[in-house]
PDB file of N, CA and C in Angstrom:
ATOM      1  N   MET A   1     -37.543   8.959  11.106  1.00  0.00           N
ATOM      2  CA  MET A   1     -36.134   9.270  11.028  1.00  0.00           C
ATOM      3  C   MET A   1     -35.390   8.038  10.520  1.00  0.00           C
ATOM      4  N   VAL A   2     -34.546   8.260   9.556  1.00  0.00           N
ATOM      5  CA  VAL A   2     -33.777   7.170   8.976  1.00  0.00           C
ATOM      6  C   VAL A   2     -32.408   7.138   9.629  1.00  0.00           C
ATOM      7  N   GLY A   3     -32.031   5.969  10.153  1.00  0.00           N
ATOM      8  CA  GLY A   3     -30.708   5.825  10.768  1.00  0.00           C
ATOM      9  C   GLY A   3     -29.656   5.562   9.712  1.00  0.00           C
ATOM     10  N   THR A   4     -28.454   5.914  10.034  1.00  0.00           N
ATOM     11  CA  THR A   4     -27.348   5.636   9.122  1.00  0.00           C
ATOM     12  C   THR A   4     -26.446   4.596   9.753  1.00  0.00           C
ATOM     13  N   ALA A   5     -25.956   3.718   8.924  1.00  0.00           N
ATOM     14  CA  ALA A   5     -25.052   2.691   9.422  1.00  0.00           C
ATOM     15  C   ALA A   5     -23.697   3.322   9.699  1.00  0.00           C
ATOM     16  N   GLN A   6     -23.147   2.977  10.852  1.00  0.00           N
ATOM     17  CA  GLN A   6     -21.816   3.475  11.168  1.00  0.00           C
ATOM     18  C   GLN A   6     -20.801   2.656  10.382  1.00  0.00           C
ATOM     19  N   GLU A   7     -19.914   3.349   9.697  1.00  0.00           N
ATOM     20  CA  GLU A   7     -18.916   2.658   8.901  1.00  0.00           C
ATOM     21  C   GLU A   7     -17.802   2.145   9.805  1.00  0.00           C
ATOM     22  N   ILE A   8     -17.405   0.918   9.571  1.00  0.00           N
ATOM     23  CA  ILE A   8     -16.289   0.344  10.299  1.00  0.00           C
ATOM     24  C   ILE A   8     -15.046   0.580   9.456  1.00  0.00           C
ATOM     25  N   VAL A   9     -14.062   1.200  10.060  1.00  0.00           N
ATOM     26  CA  VAL A   9     -12.864   1.578   9.329  1.00  0.00           C
ATOM     27  C   VAL A   9     -11.654   0.907   9.966  1.00  0.00           C
ATOM     28  N   ALA A  10     -10.880   0.210   9.145  1.00  0.00           N
ATOM     29  CA  ALA A  10      -9.653  -0.416   9.623  1.00  0.00           C
ATOM     30  C   ALA A  10      -8.565   0.645   9.768  1.00  0.00           C
ATOM     31  N   THR A  11      -7.672   0.403  10.692  1.00  0.00           N
ATOM     32  CA  THR A  11      -6.495   1.252  10.840  1.00  0.00           C
ATOM     33  C   THR A  11      -5.490   0.866   9.768  1.00  0.00           C
ATOM     34  N   VAL A  12      -4.868   1.850   9.148  1.00  0.00           N
ATOM     35  CA  VAL A  12      -3.845   1.594   8.134  1.00  0.00           C
ATOM     36  C   VAL A  12      -2.509   2.080   8.682  1.00  0.00           C
ATOM     37  N   GLU A  13      -1.542   1.176   8.725  1.00  0.00           N
ATOM     38  CA  GLU A  13      -0.194   1.510   9.178  1.00  0.00           C
ATOM     39  C   GLU A  13       0.782   1.265   8.034  1.00  0.00           C
ATOM     40  N   THR A  14       1.830   2.048   7.998  1.00  0.00           N
ATOM     41  CA  THR A  14       2.843   1.918   6.955  1.00  0.00           C
ATOM     42  C   THR A  14       4.149   1.474   7.596  1.00  0.00           C
ATOM     43  N   SER A  15       4.706   0.372   7.116  1.00  0.00           N
ATOM     44  CA  SER A  15       5.977  -0.118   7.654  1.00  0.00           C
ATOM     45  C   SER A  15       7.092   0.871   7.333  1.00  0.00           C
ATOM     46  N   ALA A  16       8.180   0.771   8.074  1.00  0.00           N
ATOM     47  CA  ALA A  16       9.344   1.626   7.808  1.00  0.00           C
ATOM     48  C   ALA A  16       9.856   1.404   6.390  1.00  0.00           C
ATOM     49  N   GLU A  17       9.816   0.163   5.936  1.00  0.00           N
ATOM     50  CA  GLU A  17      10.278  -0.165   4.586  1.00  0.00           C
ATOM     51  C   GLU A  17       9.403   0.503   3.526  1.00  0.00           C
ATOM     52  N   ALA A  18       8.089   0.461   3.721  1.00  0.00           N
ATOM     53  CA  ALA A  18       7.172   1.083   2.761  1.00  0.00           C
ATOM     54  C   ALA A  18       7.333   2.600   2.755  1.00  0.00           C
ATOM     55  N   LYS A  19       7.540   3.189   3.933  1.00  0.00           N
ATOM     56  CA  LYS A  19       7.779   4.640   3.989  1.00  0.00           C
ATOM     57  C   LYS A  19       9.020   5.001   3.187  1.00  0.00           C
ATOM     58  N   GLN A  20      10.081   4.201   3.347  1.00  0.00           N
ATOM     59  CA  GLN A  20      11.316   4.448   2.605  1.00  0.00           C
ATOM     60  C   GLN A  20      11.091   4.258   1.105  1.00  0.00           C
ATOM     61  N   ASP A  21      10.338   3.207   0.744  1.00  0.00           N
ATOM     62  CA  ASP A  21      10.019   2.966  -0.672  1.00  0.00           C
ATOM     63  C   ASP A  21       9.326   4.181  -1.283  1.00  0.00           C
ATOM     64  N   ILE A  22       8.317   4.692  -0.586  1.00  0.00           N
ATOM     65  CA  ILE A  22       7.540   5.824  -1.100  1.00  0.00           C
ATOM     66  C   ILE A  22       8.419   7.069  -1.215  1.00  0.00           C
ATOM     67  N   LEU A  23       9.235   7.310  -0.199  1.00  0.00           N
ATOM     68  CA  LEU A  23      10.138   8.459  -0.237  1.00  0.00           C
ATOM     69  C   LEU A  23      11.062   8.378  -1.452  1.00  0.00           C
ATOM     70  N   GLU A  24      11.631   7.201  -1.690  1.00  0.00           N
ATOM     71  CA  GLU A  24      12.528   7.024  -2.838  1.00  0.00           C
ATOM     72  C   GLU A  24      11.792   7.211  -4.166  1.00  0.00           C
ATOM     73  N   ILE A  25      10.568   6.707  -4.247  1.00  0.00           N
ATOM     74  CA  ILE A  25       9.772   6.864  -5.478  1.00  0.00           C
ATOM     75  C   ILE A  25       9.485   8.339  -5.742  1.00  0.00           C
ATOM     76  N   ILE A  26       9.021   9.042  -4.717  1.00  0.00           N
ATOM     77  CA  ILE A  26       8.665  10.455  -4.881  1.00  0.00           C
ATOM     78  C   ILE A  26       9.904  11.283  -5.229  1.00  0.00           C
ATOM     79  N   GLU A  27      11.026  11.011  -4.566  1.00  0.00           N
ATOM     80  CA  GLU A  27      12.261  11.737  -4.879  1.00  0.00           C
ATOM     81  C   GLU A  27      12.715  11.454  -6.310  1.00  0.00           C
ATOM     82  N   TYR A  28      12.627  10.193  -6.721  1.00  0.00           N
ATOM     83  CA  TYR A  28      13.010   9.837  -8.091  1.00  0.00           C
ATOM     84  C   TYR A  28      12.121  10.566  -9.100  1.00  0.00           C
ATOM     85  N   LEU A  29      10.811  10.522  -8.869  1.00  0.00           N
ATOM     86  CA  LEU A  29       9.883  11.173  -9.797  1.00  0.00           C
ATOM     87  C   LEU A  29      10.076  12.684  -9.820  1.00  0.00           C
ATOM     88  N   LEU A  30      10.356  13.260  -8.673  1.00  0.00           N
ATOM     89  CA  LEU A  30      10.586  14.702  -8.611  1.00  0.00           C
ATOM     90  C   LEU A  30      11.779  15.084  -9.483  1.00  0.00           C
ATOM     91  N   GLY A  31      12.851  14.296  -9.405  1.00  0.00           N
ATOM     92  CA  GLY A  31      14.050  14.587 -10.183  1.00  0.00           C
ATOM     93  C   GLY A  31      13.926  14.265 -11.659  1.00  0.00           C
ATOM     94  N   SER A  32      13.171  13.222 -11.982  1.00  0.00           N
ATOM     95  CA  SER A  32      13.115  12.773 -13.379  1.00  0.00           C
ATOM     96  C   SER A  32      11.890  13.264 -14.146  1.00  0.00           C
ATOM     97  N   ALA A  33      10.784  13.489 -13.441  1.00  0.00           N
ATOM     98  CA  ALA A  33       9.540  13.841 -14.137  1.00  0.00           C
ATOM     99  C   ALA A  33       8.935  15.157 -13.661  1.00  0.00           C
ATOM    100  N   GLY A  34       9.471  15.715 -12.577  1.00  0.00           N
ATOM    101  CA  GLY A  34       8.999  17.005 -12.107  1.00  0.00           C
ATOM    102  C   GLY A  34       7.979  16.935 -10.981  1.00  0.00           C
ATOM    103  N   PHE A  35       7.667  18.120 -10.462  1.00  0.00           N
ATOM    104  CA  PHE A  35       6.792  18.247  -9.307  1.00  0.00           C
ATOM    105  C   PHE A  35       5.392  17.703  -9.566  1.00  0.00           C
ATOM    106  N   GLU A  36       4.795  18.051 -10.700  1.00  0.00           N
ATOM    107  CA  GLU A  36       3.414  17.632 -10.965  1.00  0.00           C
ATOM    108  C   GLU A  36       3.273  16.116 -10.950  1.00  0.00           C
ATOM    109  N   THR A  37       4.204  15.419 -11.589  1.00  0.00           N
ATOM    110  CA  THR A  37       4.132  13.954 -11.636  1.00  0.00           C
ATOM    111  C   THR A  37       4.369  13.353 -10.259  1.00  0.00           C
ATOM    112  N   SER A  38       5.371  13.856  -9.531  1.00  0.00           N
ATOM    113  CA  SER A  38       5.626  13.316  -8.191  1.00  0.00           C
ATOM    114  C   SER A  38       4.429  13.571  -7.282  1.00  0.00           C
ATOM    115  N   ASN A  39       3.811  14.728  -7.391  1.00  0.00           N
ATOM    116  CA  ASN A  39       2.634  15.058  -6.594  1.00  0.00           C
ATOM    117  C   ASN A  39       1.447  14.171  -6.972  1.00  0.00           C
ATOM    118  N   LEU A  40       1.303  13.885  -8.256  1.00  0.00           N
ATOM    119  CA  LEU A  40       0.235  13.006  -8.732  1.00  0.00           C
ATOM    120  C   LEU A  40       0.367  11.612  -8.111  1.00  0.00           C
ATOM    121  N   TYR A  41       1.579  11.072  -8.102  1.00  0.00           N
ATOM    122  CA  TYR A  41       1.777   9.746  -7.518  1.00  0.00           C
ATOM    123  C   TYR A  41       1.574   9.758  -6.011  1.00  0.00           C
ATOM    124  N   PHE A  42       2.015  10.814  -5.345  1.00  0.00           N
ATOM    125  CA  PHE A  42       1.777  10.917  -3.911  1.00  0.00           C
ATOM    126  C   PHE A  42       0.278  10.888  -3.632  1.00  0.00           C
ATOM    127  N   ALA A  43      -0.501  11.611  -4.433  1.00  0.00           N
ATOM    128  CA  ALA A  43      -1.961  11.630  -4.273  1.00  0.00           C
ATOM    129  C   ALA A  43      -2.565  10.257  -4.557  1.00  0.00           C
ATOM    130  N   ARG A  44      -2.058   9.559  -5.569  1.00  0.00           N
ATOM    131  CA  ARG A  44      -2.569   8.216  -5.884  1.00  0.00           C
ATOM    132  C   ARG A  44      -2.303   7.245  -4.739  1.00  0.00           C
ATOM    133  N   PHE A  45      -1.087   7.292  -4.180  1.00  0.00           N
ATOM    134  CA  PHE A  45      -0.780   6.432  -3.033  1.00  0.00           C
ATOM    135  C   PHE A  45      -1.690   6.779  -1.859  1.00  0.00           C
ATOM    136  N   SER A  46      -1.878   8.059  -1.605  1.00  0.00           N
ATOM    137  CA  SER A  46      -2.732   8.496  -0.491  1.00  0.00           C
ATOM    138  C   SER A  46      -4.163   8.002  -0.655  1.00  0.00           C
ATOM    139  N   ARG A  47      -4.710   8.103  -1.866  1.00  0.00           N
ATOM    140  CA  ARG A  47      -6.081   7.619  -2.115  1.00  0.00           C
ATOM    141  C   ARG A  47      -6.175   6.112  -1.893  1.00  0.00           C
ATOM    142  N   LEU A  48      -5.176   5.379  -2.357  1.00  0.00           N
ATOM    143  CA  LEU A  48      -5.187   3.930  -2.150  1.00  0.00           C
ATOM    144  C   LEU A  48      -5.163   3.614  -0.663  1.00  0.00           C
ATOM    145  N   PHE A  49      -4.310   4.289   0.089  1.00  0.00           N
ATOM    146  CA  PHE A  49      -4.205   4.010   1.520  1.00  0.00           C
ATOM    147  C   PHE A  49      -5.515   4.333   2.237  1.00  0.00           C
ATOM    148  N   GLU A  50      -6.198   5.385   1.816  1.00  0.00           N
ATOM    149  CA  GLU A  50      -7.514   5.703   2.383  1.00  0.00           C
ATOM    150  C   GLU A  50      -8.517   4.600   2.063  1.00  0.00           C
ATOM    151  N   SER A  51      -8.500   4.106   0.837  1.00  0.00           N
ATOM    152  CA  SER A  51      -9.460   3.064   0.451  1.00  0.00           C
ATOM    153  C   SER A  51      -9.194   1.757   1.200  1.00  0.00           C
ATOM    154  N   LEU A  52      -7.947   1.529   1.589  1.00  0.00           N
ATOM    155  CA  LEU A  52      -7.630   0.315   2.346  1.00  0.00           C
ATOM    156  C   LEU A  52      -8.346   0.286   3.691  1.00  0.00           C
ATOM    157  N   SER A  53      -8.595   1.444   4.265  1.00  0.00           N
ATOM    158  CA  SER A  53      -9.296   1.477   5.549  1.00  0.00           C
ATOM    159  C   SER A  53     -10.738   0.995   5.402  1.00  0.00           C
ATOM    160  N   MET A  54     -11.327   1.218   4.236  1.00  0.00           N
ATOM    161  CA  MET A  54     -12.707   0.794   3.992  1.00  0.00           C
ATOM    162  C   MET A  54     -12.788  -0.610   3.394  1.00  0.00           C
ATOM    163  N   HIS A  55     -11.745  -1.016   2.696  1.00  0.00           N
ATOM    164  CA  HIS A  55     -11.724  -2.313   2.013  1.00  0.00           C
ATOM    165  C   HIS A  55     -10.398  -3.017   2.298  1.00  0.00           C
ATOM    166  N   PRO A  56     -10.188  -3.414   3.555  1.00  0.00           N
ATOM    167  CA  PRO A  56      -8.882  -3.953   3.948  1.00  0.00           C
ATOM    168  C   PRO A  56      -8.504  -5.271   3.279  1.00  0.00           C
ATOM    169  N   GLU A  57      -9.485  -6.006   2.791  1.00  0.00           N
ATOM    170  CA  GLU A  57      -9.183  -7.296   2.166  1.00  0.00           C
ATOM    171  C   GLU A  57      -9.208  -7.221   0.641  1.00  0.00           C
ATOM    172  N   SER A  58      -9.148  -6.017   0.099  1.00  0.00           N
ATOM    173  CA  SER A  58      -9.126  -5.889  -1.357  1.00  0.00           C
ATOM    174  C   SER A  58      -7.722  -6.172  -1.878  1.00  0.00           C
ATOM    175  N   GLY A  59      -7.653  -6.475  -3.148  1.00  0.00           N
ATOM    176  CA  GLY A  59      -6.371  -6.779  -3.771  1.00  0.00           C
ATOM    177  C   GLY A  59      -6.203  -8.261  -3.997  1.00  0.00           C
ATOM    178  N   SER A  60      -5.243  -8.594  -4.829  1.00  0.00           N
ATOM    179  CA  SER A  60      -5.030 -10.010  -5.152  1.00  0.00           C
ATOM    180  C   SER A  60      -4.095 -10.652  -4.136  1.00  0.00           C
ATOM    181  N   LEU A  61      -4.481 -11.838  -3.681  1.00  0.00           N
ATOM    182  CA  LEU A  61      -3.648 -12.581  -2.734  1.00  0.00           C
ATOM    183  C   LEU A  61      -2.331 -12.963  -3.388  1.00  0.00           C
ATOM    184  N   GLN A  62      -1.266 -12.911  -2.603  1.00  0.00           N
ATOM    185  CA  GLN A  62       0.081 -13.261  -3.059  1.00  0.00           C
ATOM    186  C   GLN A  62       0.672 -14.270  -2.076  1.00  0.00           C
ATOM    187  N   PRO A  63       0.133 -15.501  -2.037  1.00  0.00           N
ATOM    188  CA  PRO A  63       0.556 -16.467  -1.022  1.00  0.00           C
ATOM    189  C   PRO A  63       2.042 -16.810  -1.077  1.00  0.00           C
ATOM    190  N   HIS A  64       2.665 -16.669  -2.234  1.00  0.00           N
ATOM    191  CA  HIS A  64       4.101 -16.948  -2.337  1.00  0.00           C
ATOM    192  C   HIS A  64       4.944 -15.910  -1.591  1.00  0.00           C
ATOM    193  N   LEU A  65       4.324 -14.790  -1.206  1.00  0.00           N
ATOM    194  CA  LEU A  65       5.034 -13.750  -0.466  1.00  0.00           C
ATOM    195  C   LEU A  65       4.725 -13.777   1.020  1.00  0.00           C
ATOM    196  N   GLY A  66       3.769 -14.580   1.415  1.00  0.00           N
ATOM    197  CA  GLY A  66       3.394 -14.689   2.820  1.00  0.00           C
ATOM    198  C   GLY A  66       1.898 -14.852   2.954  1.00  0.00           C
ATOM    199  N   LYS A  67       1.499 -15.572   3.993  1.00  0.00           N
ATOM    200  CA  LYS A  67       0.076 -15.808   4.221  1.00  0.00           C
ATOM    201  C   LYS A  67      -0.633 -14.468   4.433  1.00  0.00           C
ATOM    202  N   GLY A  68      -1.648 -14.226   3.645  1.00  0.00           N
ATOM    203  CA  GLY A  68      -2.435 -13.009   3.773  1.00  0.00           C
ATOM    204  C   GLY A  68      -1.886 -11.800   3.038  1.00  0.00           C
ATOM    205  N   THR A  69      -0.715 -11.932   2.424  1.00  0.00           N
ATOM    206  CA  THR A  69      -0.148 -10.800   1.686  1.00  0.00           C
ATOM    207  C   THR A  69      -0.973 -10.553   0.431  1.00  0.00           C
ATOM    208  N   ARG A  70      -1.336  -9.290   0.233  1.00  0.00           N
ATOM    209  CA  ARG A  70      -2.128  -8.893  -0.931  1.00  0.00           C
ATOM    210  C   ARG A  70      -1.386  -7.820  -1.710  1.00  0.00           C
ATOM    211  N   MET A  71      -1.771  -7.682  -2.971  1.00  0.00           N
ATOM    212  CA  MET A  71      -1.142  -6.686  -3.828  1.00  0.00           C
ATOM    213  C   MET A  71      -2.206  -5.827  -4.497  1.00  0.00           C
ATOM    214  N   ARG A  72      -1.957  -4.534  -4.488  1.00  0.00           N
ATOM    215  CA  ARG A  72      -2.745  -3.579  -5.252  1.00  0.00           C
ATOM    216  C   ARG A  72      -1.772  -2.835  -6.158  1.00  0.00           C
ATOM    217  N   VAL A  73      -2.277  -2.183  -7.171  1.00  0.00           N
ATOM    218  CA  VAL A  73      -1.409  -1.544  -8.154  1.00  0.00           C
ATOM    219  C   VAL A  73      -1.690  -0.049  -8.247  1.00  0.00           C
ATOM    220  N   VAL A  74      -0.616   0.724  -8.196  1.00  0.00           N
ATOM    221  CA  VAL A  74      -0.605   2.130  -8.582  1.00  0.00           C
ATOM    222  C   VAL A  74       0.468   2.163  -9.667  1.00  0.00           C
ATOM    223  N   ALA A  75       0.042   1.838 -10.885  1.00  0.00           N
ATOM    224  CA  ALA A  75       0.967   1.560 -11.990  1.00  0.00           C
ATOM    225  C   ALA A  75       2.024   2.647 -12.143  1.00  0.00           C
ATOM    226  N   PRO A  76       3.272   2.258 -12.278  1.00  0.00           N
ATOM    227  CA  PRO A  76       3.811   0.909 -12.428  1.00  0.00           C
ATOM    228  C   PRO A  76       4.258   0.276 -11.112  1.00  0.00           C
ATOM    229  N   TYR A  77       3.736   0.778  -9.991  1.00  0.00           N
ATOM    230  CA  TYR A  77       4.172   0.289  -8.679  1.00  0.00           C
ATOM    231  C   TYR A  77       3.158  -0.677  -8.082  1.00  0.00           C
ATOM    232  N   ASN A  78       3.673  -1.672  -7.374  1.00  0.00           N
ATOM    233  CA  ASN A  78       2.836  -2.630  -6.659  1.00  0.00           C
ATOM    234  C   ASN A  78       2.905  -2.312  -5.171  1.00  0.00           C
ATOM    235  N   VAL A  79       1.747  -2.287  -4.537  1.00  0.00           N
ATOM    236  CA  VAL A  79       1.650  -2.003  -3.113  1.00  0.00           C
ATOM    237  C   VAL A  79       1.264  -3.305  -2.419  1.00  0.00           C
ATOM    238  N   TYR A  80       2.137  -3.778  -1.529  1.00  0.00           N
ATOM    239  CA  TYR A  80       1.926  -5.048  -0.836  1.00  0.00           C
ATOM    240  C   TYR A  80       1.446  -4.773   0.580  1.00  0.00           C
ATOM    241  N   THR A  81       0.374  -5.476   0.973  1.00  0.00           N
ATOM    242  CA  THR A  81      -0.230  -5.247   2.281  1.00  0.00           C
ATOM    243  C   THR A  81      -0.506  -6.563   2.994  1.00  0.00           C
ATOM    244  N   ASP A  82      -0.750  -6.424   4.284  1.00  0.00           N
ATOM    245  CA  ASP A  82      -1.184  -7.553   5.104  1.00  0.00           C
ATOM    246  C   ASP A  82      -2.279  -7.031   6.025  1.00  0.00           C
ATOM    247  N   TYR A  83      -3.374  -7.773   6.123  1.00  0.00           N
ATOM    248  CA  TYR A  83      -4.500  -7.362   6.961  1.00  0.00           C
ATOM    249  C   TYR A  83      -4.607  -8.293   8.151  1.00  0.00           C
ATOM    250  N   ASN A  84      -4.524  -7.716   9.354  1.00  0.00           N
ATOM    251  CA  ASN A  84      -4.721  -8.458  10.591  1.00  0.00           C
ATOM    252  C   ASN A  84      -6.178  -8.251  10.990  1.00  0.00           C
ATOM    253  N   GLU A  85      -6.999  -9.250  10.671  1.00  0.00           N
ATOM    254  CA  GLU A  85      -8.440  -9.117  10.896  1.00  0.00           C
ATOM    255  C   GLU A  85      -8.775  -8.986  12.377  1.00  0.00           C
ATOM    256  N   ALA A  86      -8.069  -9.720  13.234  1.00  0.00           N
ATOM    257  CA  ALA A  86      -8.355  -9.688  14.666  1.00  0.00           C
ATOM    258  C   ALA A  86      -8.156  -8.287  15.251  1.00  0.00           C
ATOM    259  N   GLN A  87      -7.130  -7.582  14.780  1.00  0.00           N
ATOM    260  CA  GLN A  87      -6.853  -6.232  15.278  1.00  0.00           C
ATOM    261  C   GLN A  87      -7.410  -5.150  14.360  1.00  0.00           C
ATOM    262  N   ASP A  88      -7.937  -5.554  13.199  1.00  0.00           N
ATOM    263  CA  ASP A  88      -8.488  -4.636  12.201  1.00  0.00           C
ATOM    264  C   ASP A  88      -7.449  -3.590  11.779  1.00  0.00           C
ATOM    265  N   ILE A  89      -6.252  -4.112  11.430  1.00  0.00           N
ATOM    266  CA  ILE A  89      -5.142  -3.258  11.006  1.00  0.00           C
ATOM    267  C   ILE A  89      -4.624  -3.738   9.656  1.00  0.00           C
ATOM    268  N   VAL A  90      -4.490  -2.812   8.722  1.00  0.00           N
ATOM    269  CA  VAL A  90      -3.849  -3.085   7.438  1.00  0.00           C
ATOM    270  C   VAL A  90      -2.437  -2.515   7.528  1.00  0.00           C
ATOM    271  N   VAL A  91      -1.455  -3.360   7.245  1.00  0.00           N
ATOM    272  CA  VAL A  91      -0.069  -2.891   7.232  1.00  0.00           C
ATOM    273  C   VAL A  91       0.402  -2.832   5.785  1.00  0.00           C
ATOM    274  N   ILE A  92       0.855  -1.671   5.372  1.00  0.00           N
ATOM    275  CA  ILE A  92       1.466  -1.531   4.055  1.00  0.00           C
ATOM    276  C   ILE A  92       2.900  -2.009   4.215  1.00  0.00           C
ATOM    277  N   LEU A  93       3.211  -3.139   3.582  1.00  0.00           N
ATOM    278  CA  LEU A  93       4.511  -3.776   3.751  1.00  0.00           C
ATOM    279  C   LEU A  93       5.587  -3.148   2.880  1.00  0.00           C
ATOM    280  N   ARG A  94       5.299  -3.012   1.591  1.00  0.00           N
ATOM    281  CA  ARG A  94       6.271  -2.490   0.626  1.00  0.00           C
ATOM    282  C   ARG A  94       5.535  -1.820  -0.521  1.00  0.00           C
ATOM    283  N   VAL A  95       6.236  -0.919  -1.207  1.00  0.00           N
ATOM    284  CA  VAL A  95       5.762  -0.297  -2.442  1.00  0.00           C
ATOM    285  C   VAL A  95       6.929  -0.416  -3.418  1.00  0.00           C
ATOM    286  N   LEU A  96       6.790  -1.320  -4.400  1.00  0.00           N
ATOM    287  CA  LEU A  96       7.911  -1.670  -5.276  1.00  0.00           C
ATOM    288  C   LEU A  96       7.508  -1.598  -6.741  1.00  0.00           C
ATOM    289  N   HIS A  97       8.469  -1.282  -7.587  1.00  0.00           N
ATOM    290  CA  HIS A  97       8.209  -1.204  -9.026  1.00  0.00           C
ATOM    291  C   HIS A  97       7.763  -2.571  -9.530  1.00  0.00           C
ATOM    292  N   GLY A  98       6.757  -2.586 -10.374  1.00  0.00           N
ATOM    293  CA  GLY A  98       6.178  -3.825 -10.881  1.00  0.00           C
ATOM    294  C   GLY A  98       7.124  -4.676 -11.698  1.00  0.00           C
ATOM    295  N   SER A  99       8.208  -4.104 -12.191  1.00  0.00           N
ATOM    296  CA  SER A  99       9.150  -4.891 -12.993  1.00  0.00           C
ATOM    297  C   SER A  99      10.127  -5.691 -12.136  1.00  0.00           C
ATOM    298  N   ARG A 100      10.137  -5.433 -10.833  1.00  0.00           N
ATOM    299  CA  ARG A 100      11.074  -6.141  -9.948  1.00  0.00           C
ATOM    300  C   ARG A 100      10.594  -7.550  -9.655  1.00  0.00           C
ATOM    301  N   LYS A 101      11.542  -8.446  -9.471  1.00  0.00           N
ATOM    302  CA  LYS A 101      11.226  -9.803  -9.013  1.00  0.00           C
ATOM    303  C   LYS A 101      11.101  -9.714  -7.493  1.00  0.00           C
ATOM    304  N   ILE A 102       9.917  -9.978  -6.995  1.00  0.00           N
ATOM    305  CA  ILE A 102       9.632  -9.814  -5.574  1.00  0.00           C
ATOM    306  C   ILE A 102       9.729 -11.168  -4.881  1.00  0.00           C
ATOM    307  N   THR A 103      10.392 -11.190  -3.727  1.00  0.00           N
ATOM    308  CA  THR A 103      10.541 -12.423  -2.956  1.00  0.00           C
ATOM    309  C   THR A 103       9.922 -12.254  -1.572  1.00  0.00           C
ATOM    310  N   ARG A 104       9.681 -13.368  -0.927  1.00  0.00           N
ATOM    311  CA  ARG A 104       9.127 -13.363   0.428  1.00  0.00           C
ATOM    312  C   ARG A 104      10.039 -12.580   1.379  1.00  0.00           C
ATOM    313  N   ARG A 105      11.341 -12.726   1.182  1.00  0.00           N
ATOM    314  CA  ARG A 105      12.310 -12.050   2.043  1.00  0.00           C
ATOM    315  C   ARG A 105      12.127 -10.528   2.006  1.00  0.00           C
ATOM    316  N   MET A 106      11.700 -10.001   0.872  1.00  0.00           N
ATOM    317  CA  MET A 106      11.516  -8.555   0.733  1.00  0.00           C
ATOM    318  C   MET A 106      10.336  -8.041   1.557  1.00  0.00           C
ATOM    319  N   MET A 107       9.467  -8.914   2.005  1.00  0.00           N
ATOM    320  CA  MET A 107       8.295  -8.509   2.774  1.00  0.00           C
ATOM    321  C   MET A 107       8.610  -8.381   4.263  1.00  0.00           C
ATOM    322  N   ARG A 108       9.743  -8.932   4.693  1.00  0.00           N
ATOM    323  CA  ARG A 108      10.103  -8.888   6.109  1.00  0.00           C
ATOM    324  C   ARG A 108      10.831  -7.591   6.437  1.00  0.00           C
ATOM    325  N   PRO A 109      10.717  -7.147   7.695  1.00  0.00           N
ATOM    326  CA  PRO A 109      11.447  -5.936   8.105  1.00  0.00           C
ATOM    327  C   PRO A 109      12.949  -6.124   7.920  1.00  0.00           C
ATOM    328  N   ARG A 110      13.619  -5.053   7.540  1.00  0.00           N
ATOM    329  CA  ARG A 110      15.082  -5.089   7.354  1.00  0.00           C
ATOM    330  C   ARG A 110      15.789  -5.140   8.673  1.00  0.00           C
TER     331      ARG A 110
END
């Protein structure tokens, strides 16, 4: 009998700011590009968030935004995360358009 390795999965949490960001993006896309496009982006964000549970330290480090802050891309949007290794939790900090100038202050709760 061959044993299977149990997968270790990190918890993924979404900050209030990131939830608001996503809501605004989906509403904007729904109004400007239609249901199919808004649904496509919602699915892309969902897939990324699922993959974060398996690969919590993926993405490029963004030390100018905070220690441990990482960025992944769902073009043209950047998804900023922080991984707490001790608690095995990935926090989605913000989801912002890639053309914006992002500052450390934007990563903190409002």
